[in-house]
Protein backbone atom coordinates (compact mmCIF):
# COMPACT_ATOMS: atom_id res chain seq x y z
CA GLU A 1 -1.93 -33.79 -0.10
CA GLY A 2 1.76 -33.39 -0.95
CA TYR A 3 1.18 -29.78 -1.83
CA SER A 4 -0.68 -29.06 1.41
CA GLY A 5 2.20 -30.59 3.36
CA GLU A 6 4.70 -28.37 1.58
CA ALA A 7 2.42 -25.36 2.06
CA ALA A 8 2.23 -26.01 5.80
CA GLU A 9 6.02 -26.18 5.95
CA ILE A 10 6.37 -22.79 4.26
CA ASP A 11 3.73 -21.35 6.61
CA GLN A 12 5.84 -22.55 9.54
CA GLU A 13 8.98 -21.04 8.02
CA GLU A 14 7.21 -17.72 7.49
CA ALA A 15 5.87 -17.71 11.05
CA ALA A 16 9.34 -18.47 12.44
CA TYR A 17 10.92 -15.74 10.33
CA LEU A 18 8.35 -13.10 11.32
CA ALA A 19 8.61 -14.13 14.98
CA ALA A 20 12.39 -13.67 14.83
CA VAL A 21 11.94 -10.25 13.22
CA SER A 22 9.44 -9.23 15.89
CA PHE A 23 11.74 -10.37 18.70
CA ALA A 24 14.76 -8.60 17.25
CA MET A 25 12.85 -5.37 16.66
CA LYS A 26 11.52 -5.36 20.25
CA ARG A 27 15.04 -6.00 21.52
CA ASN A 28 16.28 -3.00 19.57
CA SER A 29 13.34 -0.73 20.40
CA ALA A 30 15.29 1.27 22.97
CA ALA A 31 16.63 4.56 21.65
CA PRO A 32 20.08 3.84 20.17
CA ALA A 33 23.14 5.92 20.90
CA VAL A 34 23.38 8.54 18.19
CA PRO A 35 26.77 8.76 16.44
CA ALA A 36 27.89 11.58 14.17
CA LYS A 37 25.97 12.07 10.93
CA GLU A 38 28.99 11.00 8.89
CA SER A 39 29.10 7.69 10.74
CA ILE A 40 25.42 6.96 9.99
CA VAL A 41 25.93 7.83 6.31
CA SER A 42 29.01 5.58 6.17
CA ARG A 43 27.18 2.63 7.73
CA LEU A 44 24.23 3.06 5.37
CA ASP A 45 26.51 3.26 2.33
CA LYS A 46 28.38 0.15 3.47
CA LEU A 47 25.11 -1.76 3.84
CA LEU A 48 23.88 -0.70 0.40
CA THR A 49 27.20 -1.70 -1.16
CA ALA A 50 26.94 -5.16 0.38
CA PHE A 51 23.23 -5.52 -0.47
CA PRO A 52 22.56 -3.28 -3.48
CA TYR A 53 19.07 -4.70 -4.02
CA LEU A 54 17.97 -2.75 -0.91
CA LYS A 55 17.91 0.29 -3.23
CA LYS A 56 15.13 -1.29 -5.28
CA LEU A 57 11.63 -0.11 -4.52
CA ASN A 58 10.27 -3.66 -4.67
CA HIS A 59 12.32 -4.79 -1.69
CA VAL A 60 10.36 -5.00 1.54
CA LEU A 61 13.12 -3.13 3.43
CA ASN A 62 13.54 -0.28 0.93
CA HIS A 63 11.22 1.96 2.93
CA LEU A 64 13.77 1.91 5.77
CA VAL A 65 16.50 3.05 3.37
CA ARG A 66 14.33 5.93 2.14
CA ARG A 67 13.27 6.99 5.63
CA CYS A 68 16.86 6.87 6.88
CA ARG A 69 17.93 9.17 4.06
CA GLU A 70 15.00 11.49 4.67
CA PHE A 71 15.85 11.81 8.37
CA LEU A 72 19.51 12.36 7.53
CA GLY A 73 18.55 15.13 5.15
CA ALA A 74 16.50 16.76 7.90
CA ASP A 75 19.30 16.24 10.46
CA LYS A 76 17.00 14.07 12.58
CA LEU A 77 19.87 11.83 13.51
CA SER A 78 18.16 9.86 16.27
CA ARG A 79 15.36 8.76 13.94
CA ALA A 80 17.82 8.09 11.11
CA MET A 81 19.86 5.90 13.44
CA HIS A 82 16.74 3.99 14.49
CA CYS A 83 15.93 3.26 10.83
CA LEU A 84 19.51 2.18 10.15
CA GLN A 85 19.57 -0.12 13.16
CA SER A 86 16.25 -1.69 12.12
CA LEU A 87 17.59 -2.16 8.61
CA GLU A 88 20.81 -3.81 9.83
CA THR A 89 18.92 -6.12 12.18
CA ARG A 90 16.40 -7.26 9.58
CA ILE A 91 18.95 -7.82 6.81
CA GLU A 92 21.05 -9.87 9.24
CA LEU A 93 18.03 -12.04 10.10
CA GLU A 94 17.10 -12.44 6.44
CA THR A 95 20.65 -13.45 5.54
CA GLN A 96 20.66 -16.09 8.30
CA ARG A 97 17.36 -17.52 7.04
CA LEU A 98 18.61 -17.53 3.45
CA LYS A 99 21.74 -19.42 4.45
CA ALA A 100 19.52 -22.05 6.08
CA ALA A 101 17.26 -22.20 2.99
CA PHE A 102 20.29 -22.55 0.71
CA ALA A 103 21.56 -25.48 2.77
CA LYS A 104 18.15 -27.13 2.53
CA PHE A 105 18.18 -27.09 -1.27
CA ASP A 106 21.89 -27.91 -1.60
CA LEU A 107 21.06 -31.61 -1.49
CA ASP A 108 24.59 -32.82 -2.27
CA GLY A 109 26.27 -30.39 0.13
CA SER A 110 28.47 -28.97 -2.62
CA GLY A 111 28.05 -25.34 -1.59
CA GLN A 112 26.40 -24.67 -4.97
CA LEU A 113 22.87 -25.15 -6.30
CA ASP A 114 23.02 -26.99 -9.61
CA VAL A 115 20.24 -26.59 -12.18
CA GLN A 116 18.05 -29.31 -10.62
CA GLU A 117 18.54 -28.01 -7.08
CA PHE A 118 17.76 -24.46 -8.15
CA ASN A 119 14.73 -25.78 -10.00
CA ASN A 120 13.62 -27.42 -6.74
CA PHE A 121 13.83 -24.04 -5.03
CA ALA A 122 11.91 -22.34 -7.84
CA VAL A 123 9.06 -24.84 -7.71
CA TYR A 124 9.06 -24.82 -3.91
CA VAL A 125 8.42 -21.09 -3.64
CA GLY A 126 6.03 -21.03 -6.58
CA PHE A 127 7.92 -20.16 -9.75
CA GLY A 128 7.12 -22.12 -12.89
CA LYS A 129 9.84 -24.38 -14.24
CA GLU A 130 10.10 -22.33 -17.42
CA MET A 131 11.52 -19.47 -15.34
CA VAL A 132 14.54 -21.42 -14.13
CA GLU A 133 16.63 -20.87 -17.25
CA GLN A 134 15.97 -17.13 -17.10
CA MET A 135 16.78 -17.05 -13.40
CA LEU A 136 20.06 -18.85 -13.98
CA SER A 137 20.89 -16.50 -16.83
CA ASP A 138 20.21 -13.44 -14.68
CA HIS A 139 21.84 -14.58 -11.44
CA ASP A 140 24.57 -17.09 -12.34
CA THR A 141 27.03 -14.20 -12.40
CA ASP A 142 30.12 -16.33 -13.03
CA ALA A 143 28.33 -18.42 -15.70
CA ASP A 144 29.42 -21.74 -14.20
CA GLY A 145 25.95 -23.32 -14.49
CA SER A 146 25.25 -23.25 -10.76
CA ILE A 147 24.19 -20.79 -8.08
CA SER A 148 26.46 -19.92 -5.17
CA LEU A 149 25.22 -18.72 -1.76
CA VAL A 150 26.07 -15.12 -2.69
CA GLU A 151 24.17 -15.46 -5.99
CA PHE A 152 21.26 -17.09 -4.16
CA ILE A 153 21.01 -14.24 -1.64
CA ASP A 154 21.25 -11.75 -4.51
CA PHE A 155 18.46 -13.54 -6.37
CA VAL A 156 16.06 -13.52 -3.41
CA GLY A 157 16.96 -9.91 -2.66
CA ASN A 158 16.17 -8.84 -6.20
CA GLN A 159 12.79 -10.58 -5.91
CA GLY A 160 11.99 -8.31 -2.96
CA GLY A 161 13.31 -10.37 -0.05
CA MET A 162 12.01 -13.37 1.88
CA GLU A 163 8.74 -11.70 2.85
CA GLU A 164 7.93 -11.10 -0.81
CA LEU A 165 8.66 -14.75 -1.60
CA PHE A 166 6.31 -15.80 1.19
CA LYS A 167 3.69 -13.48 -0.31
CA LEU A 168 4.30 -14.98 -3.75
CA HIS A 169 3.87 -18.46 -2.34
CA ARG A 170 0.55 -17.53 -0.72
CA GLY A 171 -0.63 -16.33 -4.13
CA ILE A 172 0.46 -19.60 -5.73
CA ARG A 173 -1.40 -21.53 -3.04
CA ARG A 174 -4.58 -19.61 -3.81
CA LYS A 175 -4.16 -20.44 -7.48
CA MET A 176 -3.52 -24.10 -6.74
CA ASP A 177 -6.62 -24.21 -4.53
CA SER A 178 -8.68 -22.74 -7.38
CA GLY A 179 -7.06 -24.96 -10.02
CA SER A 180 -5.52 -22.01 -11.88
CA GLY A 181 -2.01 -22.72 -10.62
CA VAL A 182 -1.51 -25.57 -13.08
CA GLU A 183 0.79 -24.66 -15.96
CA VAL A 184 0.83 -25.56 -19.64
CA GLY A 185 3.23 -28.48 -20.06
CA ALA A 186 2.77 -29.76 -16.52
CA ARG A 187 2.43 -33.47 -15.84
CA VAL A 188 -0.72 -34.06 -13.82
CA LEU A 189 -3.08 -36.66 -12.47
CA ALA A 190 -6.59 -35.91 -13.68
CA GLU A 191 -10.02 -37.41 -14.05
CA PHE A 192 -11.45 -37.79 -17.55
CA PHE A 193 -14.74 -38.08 -19.38
CA CYS A 194 -15.95 -41.62 -19.99
CA PRO A 195 -17.55 -42.57 -23.34
CA GLY A 196 -21.01 -41.75 -21.97
CA GLY A 197 -19.86 -38.28 -20.90
CA GLU A 198 -19.79 -39.03 -17.20
CA ARG A 199 -16.89 -38.10 -14.92
CA SER A 200 -14.50 -41.02 -14.43
CA GLY A 201 -14.05 -40.87 -10.67
CA VAL A 202 -10.48 -42.16 -11.12
CA VAL A 203 -7.34 -40.27 -12.16
CA TRP A 204 -4.91 -40.92 -15.01
CA ASP A 205 -1.53 -39.52 -16.01
CA ALA A 206 -1.81 -36.58 -18.42
CA ARG A 207 0.10 -33.63 -19.86
CA VAL A 208 -1.52 -30.17 -19.91
CA LEU A 209 -1.65 -28.81 -23.48
CA ASP A 210 -3.59 -25.60 -22.97
CA ILE A 211 -5.54 -23.76 -20.26
CA ASN A 212 -8.57 -21.47 -20.61
CA LEU A 213 -9.03 -19.73 -17.27
CA SER A 214 -12.11 -17.82 -18.42
CA LYS A 215 -13.88 -21.14 -19.05
CA HIS A 216 -12.04 -22.87 -16.19
CA VAL A 217 -11.03 -25.76 -18.45
CA ALA A 218 -7.80 -27.38 -19.63
CA SER A 219 -6.92 -29.32 -22.75
CA VAL A 220 -4.94 -32.39 -21.72
CA LEU A 221 -3.35 -35.40 -23.36
CA PHE A 222 -3.75 -38.57 -21.31
CA SER A 223 -1.12 -41.28 -21.41
CA ASP A 224 -1.91 -44.30 -23.57
CA SER A 225 -4.33 -46.58 -21.76
CA SER A 226 -4.07 -49.49 -24.21
CA GLY A 227 -4.14 -52.75 -22.33
CA LYS A 228 -4.82 -50.97 -19.04
CA PRO A 229 -8.38 -51.29 -17.76
CA GLY A 230 -10.22 -48.22 -16.53
CA GLY A 231 -8.33 -45.61 -18.57
CA PRO A 232 -9.66 -42.93 -20.92
CA SER A 233 -10.86 -44.07 -24.35
CA GLU A 234 -10.07 -40.65 -25.85
CA LEU A 235 -6.54 -39.52 -25.07
CA LYS A 236 -7.00 -35.82 -25.84
CA GLN A 237 -9.80 -34.18 -23.86
CA GLU A 238 -10.95 -30.80 -22.64
CA ILE A 239 -11.69 -31.16 -18.94
CA PRO A 240 -12.72 -28.82 -16.10
CA LEU A 241 -9.79 -27.64 -14.01
CA ASP A 242 -11.25 -29.30 -10.95
CA PHE A 243 -10.70 -32.67 -12.66
CA ILE A 244 -6.97 -32.10 -12.06
CA SER A 245 -6.01 -33.46 -8.67
CA GLU A 246 -2.22 -33.34 -8.62
CA ASP A 247 0.70 -31.60 -10.32
CA ARG A 248 3.20 -34.43 -10.79
CA ASP A 249 6.13 -32.07 -11.46
CA LEU A 250 5.51 -30.35 -8.13
CA VAL A 251 5.08 -33.64 -6.26
CA ASP A 252 8.31 -35.04 -7.76
CA THR A 253 10.22 -31.92 -6.73
CA LEU A 254 8.85 -32.07 -3.20
CA GLY A 255 9.72 -35.77 -3.07
CA GLU A 256 13.35 -34.94 -3.81
CA LEU A 257 13.25 -32.63 -0.79
CA GLY A 258 11.75 -35.36 1.39
CA ILE A 259 8.29 -33.76 1.53
CA THR A 260 5.49 -36.23 0.89
CA SER A 261 1.78 -36.56 1.40
CA ASP A 262 2.56 -37.93 4.88
CA ASP A 263 3.67 -34.41 5.84
CA ALA A 264 0.18 -33.02 5.22
């Protein structure tokens, strides 16, 4: 339930972002005034200097960079200017949304995302916790152990932009719905096999030790149930993935952001 509430929130954010893009693009659909070729080239170079990740093929806006250059090479200045204007508008919108997202995860209002806050962001959009250290290593450019707004924008840009993160999250949701989104090492709530082999019908705290997606099963270690009625008699079990009902790491992260099952 907590996950579905968080998923709905991201769906709303994606819808708002795409609506803003659509509105801005319609507003700018009129043919722009066409400056000299040198001016278009200068504006494009300035944009790419400020946002170098736009040069990467994986970024959702890279096609506008390539088309602008193609039209410039063919001296089709009106079409080149239209591409440039679309690029400027969309990167401005994305930057505004990223500033808002940064503020959301900057829980202490420090202007920096510490390791835990950045971890919250990573889990929120669908990255596994084991990726956080690598992300910090790659994008904490001043090596101060935290992520600034500029570093945050650079990180999202290098992942392909906000639209790619939304796409990633949709993929994670599909995995979570199928049970394959659970990771080795995750803390979960899961049902277990009773001594007679029947399904328990109740959940217990466990840690995921291994996952076999081809068999759709997970090896888990349940917490000690000594002195607690109704728990598993065998602590280590291989269970179907659909026995797992909740990823506790994800729920805890969402709780820190104020997202609970009541948001579902």
